[in-house]
Amino acid sequence: YDNLDYMMAWIDSSGSMTDDQLKQCLSEVYTVALAKKPIKLIVIQCDTKIQDIKEYTDLRQLKKDMIHASVKGRGGTELKPCWDLLINDPKYKRRPAELVMVFTDGYLTQYKRNPRTMKNLCWVILDNPGWEVRHKDNKTMTLHLRSDDIK
């Protein structure tokens, strides 16, 4: 991908994700955002419901927030509220995100990419090498990482 105007990062903040994994996810979001230079970046923490939504138009603020990041949630795992947000919330359904990155350990229900709400979907799977995407298309990809791989 070249530069992106609008990107989202959904972070699984369920109890199966460690604090270190969650902080590492934010670090990875920052790295991707530096490369893609989005005009707008939405970062969502979700366990069984959306626990936190932060909107960034300045990556310096994201970097500051990473230092003081706190995990919100720690319940079960169900990221459907994120998919629903793109369909139901007038603020987010106006235009599709160019890239949605889902950071998770993969112990969750998978949902299919909806081309009306997201152009590209990237599942970033932490510490679960056997995980496979169930709804394959040419705009859905998977990246497997080990926690030690993330800076």
Protein backbone atom coordinates (compact mmCIF):
# COMPACT_ATOMS: atom_id res chain seq x y z
CA TYR A 1 0.00 0.00 0.00
CA ASP A 2 1.06 3.55 -0.63
CA ASN A 3 0.06 6.40 1.64
CA LEU A 4 -3.41 6.06 3.11
CA ASP A 5 -5.90 8.77 4.00
CA TYR A 6 -7.99 6.75 6.45
CA MET A 7 -6.93 3.72 8.41
CA MET A 8 -8.22 1.85 11.45
CA ALA A 9 -6.54 -0.43 13.97
CA TRP A 10 -8.70 -2.70 16.08
CA ILE A 11 -6.94 -4.15 19.09
CA ASP A 12 -8.30 -7.19 20.88
CA SER A 13 -8.22 -6.16 24.56
CA SER A 14 -9.65 -9.42 25.89
CA GLY A 15 -8.24 -11.31 28.85
CA SER A 16 -6.22 -13.66 26.61
CA MET A 17 -4.08 -10.76 25.38
CA THR A 18 -1.23 -9.87 27.71
CA ASP A 19 -0.41 -6.27 28.66
CA ASP A 20 2.87 -6.60 26.78
CA GLN A 21 1.05 -7.81 23.65
CA LEU A 22 -1.32 -4.86 23.79
CA LYS A 23 1.48 -2.34 24.15
CA GLN A 24 3.35 -4.06 21.34
CA CYS A 25 0.24 -3.78 19.15
CA LEU A 26 0.20 -0.02 19.69
CA SER A 27 3.86 0.13 18.78
CA GLU A 28 3.15 -1.76 15.56
CA VAL A 29 0.23 0.56 14.75
CA TYR A 30 2.60 3.50 15.17
CA THR A 31 5.19 1.89 12.87
CA VAL A 32 2.61 1.25 10.14
CA ALA A 33 1.17 4.76 10.55
CA LEU A 34 4.63 6.29 10.14
CA ALA A 35 5.03 4.41 6.87
CA LYS A 36 1.52 5.08 5.53
CA LYS A 37 1.04 8.61 6.87
CA PRO A 38 -2.75 8.48 7.25
CA ILE A 39 -4.62 11.75 7.51
CA LYS A 40 -6.93 10.00 9.98
CA LEU A 41 -6.17 6.98 12.15
CA ILE A 42 -8.77 5.38 14.41
CA VAL A 43 -7.52 3.03 17.15
CA ILE A 44 -10.13 0.89 18.90
CA GLN A 45 -9.74 -1.40 21.89
CA CYS A 46 -12.44 -4.06 22.04
CA ASP A 47 -13.10 -7.17 24.11
CA THR A 48 -16.81 -8.09 23.85
CA LYS A 49 -17.68 -4.44 23.35
CA ILE A 50 -15.84 -1.36 22.21
CA GLN A 51 -13.93 -0.15 25.25
CA ASP A 52 -12.04 2.79 23.76
CA ILE A 53 -11.92 4.76 20.52
CA LYS A 54 -9.14 7.24 19.82
CA GLU A 55 -8.91 9.32 16.67
CA TYR A 56 -5.57 10.66 15.52
CA THR A 57 -4.73 13.24 12.91
CA ASP A 58 -1.28 13.81 14.41
CA LEU A 59 1.01 10.83 14.92
CA ARG A 60 2.93 12.68 17.61
CA GLN A 61 -0.15 12.32 19.82
CA LEU A 62 -0.27 8.57 19.14
CA LYS A 63 3.38 8.31 20.18
CA LYS A 64 2.61 10.15 23.44
CA ASP A 65 -0.43 7.95 24.09
CA MET A 66 1.66 4.81 23.60
CA ILE A 67 3.80 5.74 26.59
CA HIS A 68 0.79 6.03 28.89
CA ALA A 69 -1.37 3.39 27.23
CA SER A 70 -3.79 1.61 29.48
CA VAL A 71 -5.65 -1.52 28.57
CA LYS A 72 -9.41 -1.23 28.60
CA GLY A 73 -11.54 -4.35 28.66
CA ARG A 74 -10.02 -7.70 29.66
CA GLY A 75 -13.27 -9.61 29.22
CA GLY A 76 -14.10 -12.18 26.56
CA THR A 77 -13.36 -11.82 22.86
CA GLU A 78 -15.93 -10.65 20.31
CA LEU A 79 -14.90 -8.06 17.75
CA LYS A 80 -18.28 -7.91 16.01
CA PRO A 81 -18.93 -4.49 17.64
CA CYS A 82 -16.11 -3.11 15.46
CA TRP A 83 -17.72 -4.48 12.29
CA ASP A 84 -21.08 -3.13 13.45
CA LEU A 85 -19.58 0.30 14.10
CA LEU A 86 -18.67 0.63 10.42
CA ILE A 87 -22.20 -0.30 9.36
CA ASN A 88 -24.31 1.49 11.98
CA ASP A 89 -22.46 4.55 13.26
CA PRO A 90 -23.04 7.59 11.01
CA LYS A 91 -19.59 8.91 11.89
CA TYR A 92 -17.81 5.82 10.55
CA LYS A 93 -20.09 4.59 7.79
CA ARG A 94 -19.64 7.67 5.58
CA ARG A 95 -16.70 6.19 3.73
CA PRO A 96 -14.79 2.92 3.82
CA ALA A 97 -11.50 2.69 5.67
CA GLU A 98 -8.66 2.11 3.24
CA LEU A 99 -7.06 -0.33 5.66
CA VAL A 100 -8.36 -2.05 8.79
CA MET A 101 -5.74 -3.88 10.83
CA VAL A 102 -7.06 -6.33 13.43
CA PHE A 103 -4.52 -7.13 16.16
CA THR A 104 -5.43 -10.30 18.05
CA ASP A 105 -4.17 -13.62 19.33
CA GLY A 106 -6.78 -15.17 17.03
CA TYR A 107 -9.06 -16.75 19.62
CA LEU A 108 -12.23 -15.16 18.26
CA THR A 109 -14.97 -15.41 15.68
CA GLN A 110 -13.80 -14.27 12.27
CA TYR A 111 -15.89 -11.98 10.12
CA LYS A 112 -15.74 -11.40 6.40
CA ARG A 113 -14.42 -8.14 4.97
CA ASN A 114 -17.28 -5.94 3.83
CA PRO A 115 -16.07 -3.98 0.76
CA ARG A 116 -18.54 -1.18 1.52
CA THR A 117 -16.92 -0.52 4.92
CA MET A 118 -13.26 -1.43 4.36
CA LYS A 119 -11.13 -1.64 1.26
CA ASN A 120 -8.40 -3.83 2.78
CA LEU A 121 -8.35 -6.02 5.87
CA CYS A 122 -5.18 -7.26 7.55
CA TRP A 123 -5.39 -9.77 10.40
CA VAL A 124 -2.27 -9.36 12.57
CA ILE A 125 -2.11 -12.58 14.59
CA LEU A 126 0.10 -12.70 17.67
CA ASP A 127 1.66 -15.90 18.97
CA ASN A 128 -0.74 -18.24 17.14
CA PRO A 129 1.10 -19.69 14.10
CA GLY A 130 -1.69 -22.17 13.25
CA TRP A 131 -4.36 -19.47 12.75
CA GLU A 132 -5.81 -19.21 9.25
CA VAL A 133 -8.22 -16.71 7.74
CA ARG A 134 -11.59 -18.32 6.94
CA HIS A 135 -12.93 -15.67 4.57
CA LYS A 136 -10.25 -15.29 1.92
CA ASP A 137 -10.33 -12.70 -0.82
CA ASN A 138 -7.68 -10.66 -2.62
CA LYS A 139 -8.11 -7.72 -0.20
CA THR A 140 -7.84 -9.77 3.02
CA MET A 141 -4.43 -10.77 4.29
CA THR A 142 -2.83 -12.26 7.37
CA LEU A 143 0.38 -11.37 9.13
CA HIS A 144 1.65 -13.73 11.82
CA LEU A 145 3.88 -12.22 14.50
CA ARG A 146 5.47 -13.47 17.65
CA SER A 147 5.43 -11.04 20.54
CA ASP A 148 9.24 -10.99 20.44
CA ASP A 149 9.13 -9.82 16.79
CA ILE A 150 7.34 -6.58 17.64
CA LYS A 151 9.51 -3.72 18.78
